[in-house]
Structures are given as structure tokens and as C-alpha cells.
Amino acid sequence: MFDRTQSNVLDGLMLGDAYIPQKQHLLYFGQCQANREYVELVARLLGYPAERVRDRARNADKRTGKQYLCSELRSLSHPIFAEFRHRWYRDGKKVVPEDLRMSRECVLHWFLCDGACSMNRNSGQLMLCTDAFQPEEIESLQGLLASVGIESSRMKTCRIRVRQKSIGRFYDYIGESPAACLAYKWIPQGNRTAKQQDLKRYHQEMHDLHTRQGWPCSRIAKKFGTNYFSVRYILKERFGIRFGKNAATETTCREGVVAPSETARRASPYGE
């Protein structure tokens, strides 16, 4: 019933928001009503007329009590969906199929369904929501992404974060957004690479400037084109230098380093 491209689209949708009911051989795929354009696009890609997309009100959210409007595609019944269900579900729960392979269409529609991006210090961050899958399945998905040149890491929230150096590759692989309503998920070209330089080769020099010449972190940061907290983190974690009895805890981010939030810094009674 479906050709290779359509099957790849279906795999991406199943990684995201699509589902196949247990006793019905058909596909359900829905988005918020603002994304109706995308649902209609999916319908056409799968060979269905856009008229099969219907608007409806979902049941009230149990947490908020609010009722949301959605646009939903309900496919025709076909035995092929019984095969898809057998492949994608175990004991009634969605799983990552062992025979899943990455393709442009699969990654594109997975991202359109469950992808998210944000900006941090003029650099982009990109993640894929995989909360519903088990850790070993997430690891498998990371391996599949790596097979097409996209490196990633698993977040504590069980989501996949595309590494900064692979964000450009990710967008090159999936191409431009096919639906204007979801174009906001595309990080601007100029923000797809890290603005933070690799400071590893300067670690020892930073240490010497601080311990032998008494340079404060702010002066070292200015010399190497970075920030105060990055320098402090390097000196603390790489060389064991402490900055006050109860100094705020620093955290790592990407290939470089960042410091705690501005709120945490201002709350600390210590500093240079």
C-alpha cells in the first residue's frame, strides 16, 4: 500500500505523535489546530485527501481542566496497519522497532512531531522528546542518528539532545520545513554553531596566570575571549582551586563550560 518514502514518513510519525489503536487497523495522527497545515500535508503524503482531516475538541486536560482543539487525520482501515502495530507495539506499549532505519523523511517527521529548539547565548540547542521510550531504546535511536552523522547525548529527562557540533548537520539532513506553521523549529543559520570556543589548550596558561601572576578570573576571561564563570569552572574542576567557602556550584554545557545562573551568582556572598 505504501512505497518506501511513505513508509519512512510513517516511521517518523510513529516515533512522534501517531498511534494505531489495538483493535482498529488504522492510523490516528493529530496536532493542535494551529498546525492543521501540517496534518493536511501528512494526509497528502500518505495518499489521503486533505478532507479526511477533521477538527475536534479533545477531552479536558486532567491537570489543567482546559479543553484543547486539534486537527486529526484518521486513515482508512487497512491490514497494513495491523502489520505496523505488530512492529511498533509490545504488550500494548509503543516501542522502537529493531528493524528501524534512519532516513531523511523519518528524521524530518520525527522532528516535526516531537522536536524542540531553543537559543542560549546566541547558540542553538536542539532536542527530540523520547520520554515514552526505555533507556535502551533511546540509546538505539542515538545509534541510528549517529549512522547518518548526527551525534547526540541522552538528557536526564530521557530526551535526546543533538550535540552542538551536529546541529548544522541535522538541518542539512532534513532540509527546510515543509509546513510554515512549524518553521519556528528551524534555528537560524547563524546560530547553528557554538559561539563558545574550545579552551582546553589554554587551561594550563589560565592556571599559571591565576596562581603565579594573581590574575582574577575576569581578567583571564577577557584575555581568552570567554566569560568569568567559564574560567572559574576550569580552575575549580581542572585544578581544584576553590573560590570561597560556599561558592555556587558550576555546571557543564556543550564542549565548553558555563556557570550557574545569574540569580545563583548574585545570591552568593562570595566572589572576587
C-alpha atoms as a PDB file:
ATOM      1  CA  MET A   1       0.000   0.000   0.000  1.00  0.00           C
ATOM      2  CA  PHE A   2       2.807   2.419   0.896  1.00  0.00           C
ATOM      3  CA  ASP A   3       6.021   2.991  -1.029  1.00  0.00           C
ATOM      4  CA  ARG A   4       9.418   3.409   0.631  1.00  0.00           C
ATOM      5  CA  THR A   5       9.109   7.171   1.099  1.00  0.00           C
ATOM      6  CA  GLN A   6       5.655   6.852   2.651  1.00  0.00           C
ATOM      7  CA  SER A   7       6.882   4.090   4.970  1.00  0.00           C
ATOM      8  CA  ASN A   8       9.728   6.364   6.089  1.00  0.00           C
ATOM      9  CA  VAL A   9       7.223   9.145   6.789  1.00  0.00           C
ATOM     10  CA  LEU A  10       5.138   6.701   8.835  1.00  0.00           C
ATOM     11  CA  ASP A  11       8.189   5.674  10.869  1.00  0.00           C
ATOM     12  CA  GLY A  12       8.854   9.325  11.718  1.00  0.00           C
ATOM     13  CA  LEU A  13       5.222   9.865  12.688  1.00  0.00           C
ATOM     14  CA  MET A  14       5.228   6.758  14.878  1.00  0.00           C
ATOM     15  CA  LEU A  15       8.329   7.988  16.692  1.00  0.00           C
ATOM     16  CA  GLY A  16       6.245  11.092  17.336  1.00  0.00           C
ATOM     17  CA  ASP A  17       2.511  11.596  17.751  1.00  0.00           C
ATOM     18  CA  ALA A  18       0.888   8.940  15.555  1.00  0.00           C
ATOM     19  CA  TYR A  19      -0.694   5.832  17.037  1.00  0.00           C
ATOM     20  CA  ILE A  20      -2.535   2.709  15.923  1.00  0.00           C
ATOM     21  CA  PRO A  21      -5.435   1.522  18.138  1.00  0.00           C
ATOM     22  CA  GLN A  22      -5.284  -2.044  19.362  1.00  0.00           C
ATOM     23  CA  LYS A  23      -8.426  -3.336  17.662  1.00  0.00           C
ATOM     24  CA  GLN A  24      -8.604  -0.983  14.699  1.00  0.00           C
ATOM     25  CA  HIS A  25      -6.422  -1.336  11.638  1.00  0.00           C
ATOM     26  CA  LEU A  26      -5.999   2.370  11.016  1.00  0.00           C
ATOM     27  CA  LEU A  27      -3.750   5.297  11.859  1.00  0.00           C
ATOM     28  CA  TYR A  28      -4.551   8.289  14.038  1.00  0.00           C
ATOM     29  CA  PHE A  29      -2.416  11.392  13.795  1.00  0.00           C
ATOM     30  CA  GLY A  30      -3.273  14.711  15.386  1.00  0.00           C
ATOM     31  CA  GLN A  31      -1.785  18.097  16.175  1.00  0.00           C
ATOM     32  CA  CYS A  32      -3.078  21.262  17.767  1.00  0.00           C
ATOM     33  CA  GLN A  33      -5.413  23.135  15.448  1.00  0.00           C
ATOM     34  CA  ALA A  34      -2.746  25.764  14.757  1.00  0.00           C
ATOM     35  CA  ASN A  35      -0.782  23.006  12.959  1.00  0.00           C
ATOM     36  CA  ARG A  36      -3.639  21.879  10.715  1.00  0.00           C
ATOM     37  CA  GLU A  37      -1.495  22.721   7.672  1.00  0.00           C
ATOM     38  CA  TYR A  38       0.986  20.042   8.732  1.00  0.00           C
ATOM     39  CA  VAL A  39      -1.705  17.396   9.351  1.00  0.00           C
ATOM     40  CA  GLU A  40      -3.119  18.056   5.878  1.00  0.00           C
ATOM     41  CA  LEU A  41       0.390  17.697   4.446  1.00  0.00           C
ATOM     42  CA  VAL A  42       0.748  14.307   6.167  1.00  0.00           C
ATOM     43  CA  ALA A  43      -2.586  13.213   4.731  1.00  0.00           C
ATOM     44  CA  ARG A  44      -1.470  14.048   1.205  1.00  0.00           C
ATOM     45  CA  LEU A  45       1.921  12.377   1.679  1.00  0.00           C
ATOM     46  CA  LEU A  46       0.148   9.165   2.692  1.00  0.00           C
ATOM     47  CA  GLY A  47      -2.234   9.355  -0.235  1.00  0.00           C
ATOM     48  CA  TYR A  48      -5.330  10.646   1.550  1.00  0.00           C
ATOM     49  CA  PRO A  49      -7.323  13.753   0.615  1.00  0.00           C
ATOM     50  CA  ALA A  50      -6.964  16.716   2.963  1.00  0.00           C
ATOM     51  CA  GLU A  51     -10.716  16.441   3.576  1.00  0.00           C
ATOM     52  CA  ARG A  52     -10.039  13.472   5.853  1.00  0.00           C
ATOM     53  CA  VAL A  53      -8.532  15.870   8.392  1.00  0.00           C
ATOM     54  CA  ARG A  54     -11.133  16.810  10.967  1.00  0.00           C
ATOM     55  CA  ASP A  55     -11.150  19.423  13.720  1.00  0.00           C
ATOM     56  CA  ARG A  56     -12.389  18.387  17.136  1.00  0.00           C
ATOM     57  CA  ALA A  57     -12.158  19.280  20.795  1.00  0.00           C
ATOM     58  CA  ARG A  58     -10.117  16.898  22.902  1.00  0.00           C
ATOM     59  CA  ASN A  59     -11.240  15.748  26.311  1.00  0.00           C
ATOM     60  CA  ALA A  60     -10.419  18.245  29.037  1.00  0.00           C
ATOM     61  CA  ASP A  61      -6.845  18.009  30.315  1.00  0.00           C
ATOM     62  CA  LYS A  62      -6.905  16.302  33.716  1.00  0.00           C
ATOM     63  CA  ARG A  63      -4.153  18.581  35.036  1.00  0.00           C
ATOM     64  CA  THR A  64      -5.458  21.942  33.878  1.00  0.00           C
ATOM     65  CA  GLY A  65      -9.123  21.297  33.201  1.00  0.00           C
ATOM     66  CA  LYS A  66      -8.727  23.074  29.859  1.00  0.00           C
ATOM     67  CA  GLN A  67     -10.088  21.744  26.604  1.00  0.00           C
ATOM     68  CA  TYR A  68      -7.917  21.967  23.508  1.00  0.00           C
ATOM     69  CA  LEU A  69      -8.818  22.000  19.826  1.00  0.00           C
ATOM     70  CA  CYS A  70      -6.952  19.676  17.496  1.00  0.00           C
ATOM     71  CA  SER A  71      -6.829  18.697  13.854  1.00  0.00           C
ATOM     72  CA  GLU A  72      -6.742  14.941  13.347  1.00  0.00           C
ATOM     73  CA  LEU A  73      -6.193  12.543  10.473  1.00  0.00           C
ATOM     74  CA  ARG A  74      -7.988   9.223  10.724  1.00  0.00           C
ATOM     75  CA  SER A  75      -6.875   6.915   7.944  1.00  0.00           C
ATOM     76  CA  LEU A  76      -8.965   4.289   6.203  1.00  0.00           C
ATOM     77  CA  SER A  77      -8.840   0.816   7.695  1.00  0.00           C
ATOM     78  CA  HIS A  78      -6.283  -1.454   6.042  1.00  0.00           C
ATOM     79  CA  PRO A  79      -4.456  -4.681   7.049  1.00  0.00           C
ATOM     80  CA  ILE A  80      -1.116  -2.903   6.583  1.00  0.00           C
ATOM     81  CA  PHE A  81      -1.750  -1.046   9.833  1.00  0.00           C
ATOM     82  CA  ALA A  82      -2.086  -4.370  11.654  1.00  0.00           C
ATOM     83  CA  GLU A  83       1.461  -5.095  10.491  1.00  0.00           C
ATOM     84  CA  PHE A  84       2.603  -1.663  11.627  1.00  0.00           C
ATOM     85  CA  ARG A  85       1.029  -2.198  15.034  1.00  0.00           C
ATOM     86  CA  HIS A  86       2.758  -5.562  15.437  1.00  0.00           C
ATOM     87  CA  ARG A  87       6.042  -3.860  14.580  1.00  0.00           C
ATOM     88  CA  TRP A  88       5.608  -0.797  16.787  1.00  0.00           C
ATOM     89  CA  TYR A  89       3.881  -2.180  19.901  1.00  0.00           C
ATOM     90  CA  ARG A  90       4.728  -4.736  22.573  1.00  0.00           C
ATOM     91  CA  ASP A  91       2.159  -5.592  25.225  1.00  0.00           C
ATOM     92  CA  GLY A  92       0.136  -2.552  24.222  1.00  0.00           C
ATOM     93  CA  LYS A  93       3.064  -0.135  24.603  1.00  0.00           C
ATOM     94  CA  LYS A  94       4.840   1.675  21.782  1.00  0.00           C
ATOM     95  CA  VAL A  95       8.450   0.536  21.262  1.00  0.00           C
ATOM     96  CA  VAL A  96      11.279   1.291  18.852  1.00  0.00           C
ATOM     97  CA  PRO A  97      11.300  -1.469  16.193  1.00  0.00           C
ATOM     98  CA  GLU A  98      14.505  -3.448  15.883  1.00  0.00           C
ATOM     99  CA  ASP A  99      14.456  -3.007  12.104  1.00  0.00           C
ATOM    100  CA  LEU A 100      14.047   0.792  12.225  1.00  0.00           C
ATOM    101  CA  ARG A 101      16.397   2.689   9.931  1.00  0.00           C
ATOM    102  CA  MET A 102      17.010   6.416   9.738  1.00  0.00           C
ATOM    103  CA  SER A 103      16.073   8.306   6.583  1.00  0.00           C
ATOM    104  CA  ARG A 104      15.546  11.955   5.767  1.00  0.00           C
ATOM    105  CA  GLU A 105      11.763  11.554   5.867  1.00  0.00           C
ATOM    106  CA  CYS A 106      11.835   9.641   9.150  1.00  0.00           C
ATOM    107  CA  VAL A 107      14.010  12.186  10.979  1.00  0.00           C
ATOM    108  CA  LEU A 108      12.125  15.126   9.450  1.00  0.00           C
ATOM    109  CA  HIS A 109       8.699  13.999  10.623  1.00  0.00           C
ATOM    110  CA  TRP A 110      10.017  12.808  13.970  1.00  0.00           C
ATOM    111  CA  PHE A 111      11.385  16.322  14.486  1.00  0.00           C
ATOM    112  CA  LEU A 112       8.183  17.991  13.260  1.00  0.00           C
ATOM    113  CA  CYS A 113       6.212  15.934  15.784  1.00  0.00           C
ATOM    114  CA  ASP A 114       8.486  15.782  18.819  1.00  0.00           C
ATOM    115  CA  GLY A 115      11.402  18.096  18.195  1.00  0.00           C
ATOM    116  CA  ALA A 116      12.154  21.316  20.043  1.00  0.00           C
ATOM    117  CA  CYS A 117      14.800  24.008  19.862  1.00  0.00           C
ATOM    118  CA  SER A 118      15.904  26.981  21.925  1.00  0.00           C
ATOM    119  CA  MET A 119      18.538  29.674  21.944  1.00  0.00           C
ATOM    120  CA  ASN A 120      21.236  30.045  24.605  1.00  0.00           C
ATOM    121  CA  ARG A 121      23.855  32.805  24.370  1.00  0.00           C
ATOM    122  CA  ASN A 122      23.177  33.151  20.637  1.00  0.00           C
ATOM    123  CA  SER A 123      23.793  29.442  20.063  1.00  0.00           C
ATOM    124  CA  GLY A 124      21.032  26.971  19.336  1.00  0.00           C
ATOM    125  CA  GLN A 125      20.049  23.872  21.277  1.00  0.00           C
ATOM    126  CA  LEU A 126      18.008  21.077  19.740  1.00  0.00           C
ATOM    127  CA  MET A 127      16.341  18.062  21.315  1.00  0.00           C
ATOM    128  CA  LEU A 128      13.991  15.218  20.458  1.00  0.00           C
ATOM    129  CA  CYS A 129      11.384  14.160  23.010  1.00  0.00           C
ATOM    130  CA  THR A 130      11.770  10.445  23.679  1.00  0.00           C
ATOM    131  CA  ASP A 131      10.241  10.304  27.164  1.00  0.00           C
ATOM    132  CA  ALA A 132       7.935   7.412  26.250  1.00  0.00           C
ATOM    133  CA  PHE A 133      10.775   5.048  25.356  1.00  0.00           C
ATOM    134  CA  GLN A 134      13.064   2.957  27.533  1.00  0.00           C
ATOM    135  CA  PRO A 135      16.746   3.931  28.056  1.00  0.00           C
ATOM    136  CA  GLU A 136      17.971   1.114  25.822  1.00  0.00           C
ATOM    137  CA  GLU A 137      15.582   2.234  23.072  1.00  0.00           C
ATOM    138  CA  ILE A 138      16.813   5.810  23.371  1.00  0.00           C
ATOM    139  CA  GLU A 139      20.373   4.528  23.084  1.00  0.00           C
ATOM    140  CA  SER A 140      19.333   2.653  19.933  1.00  0.00           C
ATOM    141  CA  LEU A 141      17.862   5.849  18.472  1.00  0.00           C
ATOM    142  CA  GLN A 142      21.102   7.680  19.250  1.00  0.00           C
ATOM    143  CA  GLY A 143      22.986   4.993  17.360  1.00  0.00           C
ATOM    144  CA  LEU A 144      20.664   5.360  14.387  1.00  0.00           C
ATOM    145  CA  LEU A 145      21.185   9.123  14.365  1.00  0.00           C
ATOM    146  CA  ALA A 146      24.940   8.580  14.552  1.00  0.00           C
ATOM    147  CA  SER A 147      24.672   6.321  11.489  1.00  0.00           C
ATOM    148  CA  VAL A 148      23.641   9.381   9.449  1.00  0.00           C
ATOM    149  CA  GLY A 149      26.267  11.654  11.005  1.00  0.00           C
ATOM    150  CA  ILE A 150      24.246  13.208  13.850  1.00  0.00           C
ATOM    151  CA  GLU A 151      25.884  12.959  17.287  1.00  0.00           C
ATOM    152  CA  SER A 152      23.735  13.235  20.391  1.00  0.00           C
ATOM    153  CA  SER A 153      23.544  12.691  24.146  1.00  0.00           C
ATOM    154  CA  ARG A 154      20.803  11.483  26.470  1.00  0.00           C
ATOM    155  CA  MET A 155      19.469  14.035  28.918  1.00  0.00           C
ATOM    156  CA  LYS A 156      18.392  13.216  32.473  1.00  0.00           C
ATOM    157  CA  THR A 157      14.820  13.736  31.286  1.00  0.00           C
ATOM    158  CA  CYS A 158      15.278  10.790  28.880  1.00  0.00           C
ATOM    159  CA  ARG A 159      15.274  13.061  25.871  1.00  0.00           C
ATOM    160  CA  ILE A 160      17.852  13.186  23.113  1.00  0.00           C
ATOM    161  CA  ARG A 161      19.912  16.350  22.765  1.00  0.00           C
ATOM    162  CA  VAL A 162      21.661  16.833  19.446  1.00  0.00           C
ATOM    163  CA  ARG A 163      25.227  17.901  20.120  1.00  0.00           C
ATOM    164  CA  GLN A 164      26.058  21.474  19.208  1.00  0.00           C
ATOM    165  CA  LYS A 165      28.501  20.427  16.515  1.00  0.00           C
ATOM    166  CA  SER A 166      25.824  18.278  14.837  1.00  0.00           C
ATOM    167  CA  ILE A 167      23.002  20.843  14.716  1.00  0.00           C
ATOM    168  CA  GLY A 168      24.076  22.131  11.312  1.00  0.00           C
ATOM    169  CA  ARG A 169      24.339  18.559  10.032  1.00  0.00           C
ATOM    170  CA  PHE A 170      20.876  17.793  11.430  1.00  0.00           C
ATOM    171  CA  TYR A 171      19.220  20.616   9.490  1.00  0.00           C
ATOM    172  CA  ASP A 172      21.223  19.861   6.352  1.00  0.00           C
ATOM    173  CA  TYR A 173      19.962  16.283   6.566  1.00  0.00           C
ATOM    174  CA  ILE A 174      16.245  17.040   6.971  1.00  0.00           C
ATOM    175  CA  GLY A 175      16.080  20.109   4.715  1.00  0.00           C
ATOM    176  CA  GLU A 176      13.735  23.066   5.106  1.00  0.00           C
ATOM    177  CA  SER A 177      10.413  22.959   6.927  1.00  0.00           C
ATOM    178  CA  PRO A 178       7.640  21.649   4.640  1.00  0.00           C
ATOM    179  CA  ALA A 179       4.981  23.448   6.705  1.00  0.00           C
ATOM    180  CA  ALA A 180       5.067  27.154   7.510  1.00  0.00           C
ATOM    181  CA  CYS A 181       3.279  26.581  10.825  1.00  0.00           C
ATOM    182  CA  LEU A 182       6.279  24.614  12.138  1.00  0.00           C
ATOM    183  CA  ALA A 183       9.083  26.668  10.592  1.00  0.00           C
ATOM    184  CA  TYR A 184       9.801  28.131  14.056  1.00  0.00           C
ATOM    185  CA  LYS A 185      11.572  24.859  14.873  1.00  0.00           C
ATOM    186  CA  TRP A 186      14.352  25.746  12.456  1.00  0.00           C
ATOM    187  CA  ILE A 187      17.210  27.508  14.258  1.00  0.00           C
ATOM    188  CA  PRO A 188      18.554  30.452  12.204  1.00  0.00           C
ATOM    189  CA  GLN A 189      21.588  29.539  10.118  1.00  0.00           C
ATOM    190  CA  GLY A 190      23.903  31.872  12.023  1.00  0.00           C
ATOM    191  CA  ASN A 191      23.061  30.278  15.370  1.00  0.00           C
ATOM    192  CA  ARG A 192      23.643  26.637  14.490  1.00  0.00           C
ATOM    193  CA  THR A 193      27.280  26.605  15.568  1.00  0.00           C
ATOM    194  CA  ALA A 194      28.681  27.134  19.047  1.00  0.00           C
ATOM    195  CA  LYS A 195      29.861  30.631  19.811  1.00  0.00           C
ATOM    196  CA  GLN A 196      31.910  29.329  22.717  1.00  0.00           C
ATOM    197  CA  GLN A 197      35.484  28.426  21.822  1.00  0.00           C
ATOM    198  CA  ASP A 198      37.332  25.302  22.929  1.00  0.00           C
ATOM    199  CA  LEU A 199      39.500  26.446  25.835  1.00  0.00           C
ATOM    200  CA  LYS A 200      41.286  23.159  26.572  1.00  0.00           C
ATOM    201  CA  ARG A 201      44.583  24.239  25.073  1.00  0.00           C
ATOM    202  CA  TYR A 202      44.606  27.309  27.349  1.00  0.00           C
ATOM    203  CA  HIS A 203      43.857  25.535  30.640  1.00  0.00           C
ATOM    204  CA  GLN A 204      47.440  25.455  31.899  1.00  0.00           C
ATOM    205  CA  GLU A 205      48.085  29.057  30.899  1.00  0.00           C
ATOM    206  CA  MET A 206      44.924  30.140  32.736  1.00  0.00           C
ATOM    207  CA  HIS A 207      46.113  28.273  35.812  1.00  0.00           C
ATOM    208  CA  ASP A 208      49.530  29.930  35.690  1.00  0.00           C
ATOM    209  CA  LEU A 209      48.073  33.407  35.230  1.00  0.00           C
ATOM    210  CA  HIS A 210      45.811  32.919  38.220  1.00  0.00           C
ATOM    211  CA  THR A 211      48.217  31.199  40.635  1.00  0.00           C
ATOM    212  CA  ARG A 212      51.583  32.754  39.669  1.00  0.00           C
ATOM    213  CA  GLN A 213      50.606  36.204  38.495  1.00  0.00           C
ATOM    214  CA  GLY A 214      47.477  36.677  40.579  1.00  0.00           C
ATOM    215  CA  TRP A 215      45.137  37.450  37.699  1.00  0.00           C
ATOM    216  CA  PRO A 216      41.455  37.402  38.640  1.00  0.00           C
ATOM    217  CA  CYS A 217      39.048  35.266  36.604  1.00  0.00           C
ATOM    218  CA  SER A 218      37.512  38.330  34.986  1.00  0.00           C
ATOM    219  CA  ARG A 219      40.874  39.432  33.553  1.00  0.00           C
ATOM    220  CA  ILE A 220      41.696  35.914  32.344  1.00  0.00           C
ATOM    221  CA  ALA A 221      38.278  35.673  30.713  1.00  0.00           C
ATOM    222  CA  LYS A 222      38.865  38.914  28.831  1.00  0.00           C
ATOM    223  CA  LYS A 223      42.244  37.719  27.569  1.00  0.00           C
ATOM    224  CA  PHE A 224      40.820  34.484  26.136  1.00  0.00           C
ATOM    225  CA  GLY A 225      37.514  35.858  24.876  1.00  0.00           C
ATOM    226  CA  THR A 226      35.319  33.904  27.268  1.00  0.00           C
ATOM    227  CA  ASN A 227      33.426  34.683  30.488  1.00  0.00           C
ATOM    228  CA  TYR A 228      34.243  34.847  34.191  1.00  0.00           C
ATOM    229  CA  PHE A 229      32.299  31.710  35.124  1.00  0.00           C
ATOM    230  CA  SER A 230      33.891  29.577  32.429  1.00  0.00           C
ATOM    231  CA  VAL A 231      37.342  30.440  33.764  1.00  0.00           C
ATOM    232  CA  ARG A 232      36.296  29.813  37.357  1.00  0.00           C
ATOM    233  CA  TYR A 233      34.834  26.454  36.457  1.00  0.00           C
ATOM    234  CA  ILE A 234      38.024  25.393  34.653  1.00  0.00           C
ATOM    235  CA  LEU A 235      40.212  26.406  37.581  1.00  0.00           C
ATOM    236  CA  LYS A 236      37.970  24.634  40.047  1.00  0.00           C
ATOM    237  CA  GLU A 237      37.320  21.371  38.190  1.00  0.00           C
ATOM    238  CA  ARG A 238      40.620  21.034  36.327  1.00  0.00           C
ATOM    239  CA  PHE A 239      42.982  22.254  39.047  1.00  0.00           C
ATOM    240  CA  GLY A 240      40.983  22.024  42.286  1.00  0.00           C
ATOM    241  CA  ILE A 241      41.075  25.755  43.044  1.00  0.00           C
ATOM    242  CA  ARG A 242      38.282  26.866  45.393  1.00  0.00           C
ATOM    243  CA  PHE A 243      36.510  30.200  45.336  1.00  0.00           C
ATOM    244  CA  GLY A 244      35.026  30.840  48.765  1.00  0.00           C
ATOM    245  CA  LYS A 245      33.738  28.503  51.448  1.00  0.00           C
ATOM    246  CA  ASN A 246      30.236  28.178  49.988  1.00  0.00           C
ATOM    247  CA  ALA A 247      30.780  29.094  46.356  1.00  0.00           C
ATOM    248  CA  ALA A 248      27.877  28.447  43.979  1.00  0.00           C
ATOM    249  CA  THR A 249      28.100  25.192  42.069  1.00  0.00           C
ATOM    250  CA  GLU A 250      29.116  25.413  38.408  1.00  0.00           C
ATOM    251  CA  THR A 251      27.751  23.142  35.686  1.00  0.00           C
ATOM    252  CA  THR A 252      28.957  21.894  32.323  1.00  0.00           C
ATOM    253  CA  CYS A 253      27.364  22.655  28.990  1.00  0.00           C
ATOM    254  CA  ARG A 254      28.332  21.554  25.479  1.00  0.00           C
ATOM    255  CA  GLU A 255      32.029  21.234  24.742  1.00  0.00           C
ATOM    256  CA  GLY A 256      32.877  24.207  26.948  1.00  0.00           C
ATOM    257  CA  VAL A 257      31.661  25.314  30.316  1.00  0.00           C
ATOM    258  CA  VAL A 258      29.092  27.644  31.786  1.00  0.00           C
ATOM    259  CA  ALA A 259      28.429  28.876  35.247  1.00  0.00           C
ATOM    260  CA  PRO A 260      25.372  28.859  37.471  1.00  0.00           C
ATOM    261  CA  SER A 261      22.509  31.175  36.772  1.00  0.00           C
ATOM    262  CA  GLU A 262      22.845  34.906  37.340  1.00  0.00           C
ATOM    263  CA  THR A 263      20.404  34.536  40.226  1.00  0.00           C
ATOM    264  CA  ALA A 264      22.667  31.983  41.937  1.00  0.00           C
ATOM    265  CA  ARG A 265      25.713  34.165  41.425  1.00  0.00           C
ATOM    266  CA  ARG A 266      24.107  37.248  42.935  1.00  0.00           C
ATOM    267  CA  ALA A 267      22.845  35.242  45.880  1.00  0.00           C
ATOM    268  CA  SER A 268      26.356  34.126  46.787  1.00  0.00           C
ATOM    269  CA  PRO A 269      28.149  36.312  49.378  1.00  0.00           C
ATOM    270  CA  TYR A 270      31.493  35.355  47.819  1.00  0.00           C
ATOM    271  CA  GLY A 271      33.277  36.411  44.704  1.00  0.00           C
ATOM    272  CA  GLU A 272      36.326  38.164  43.508  1.00  0.00           C
END
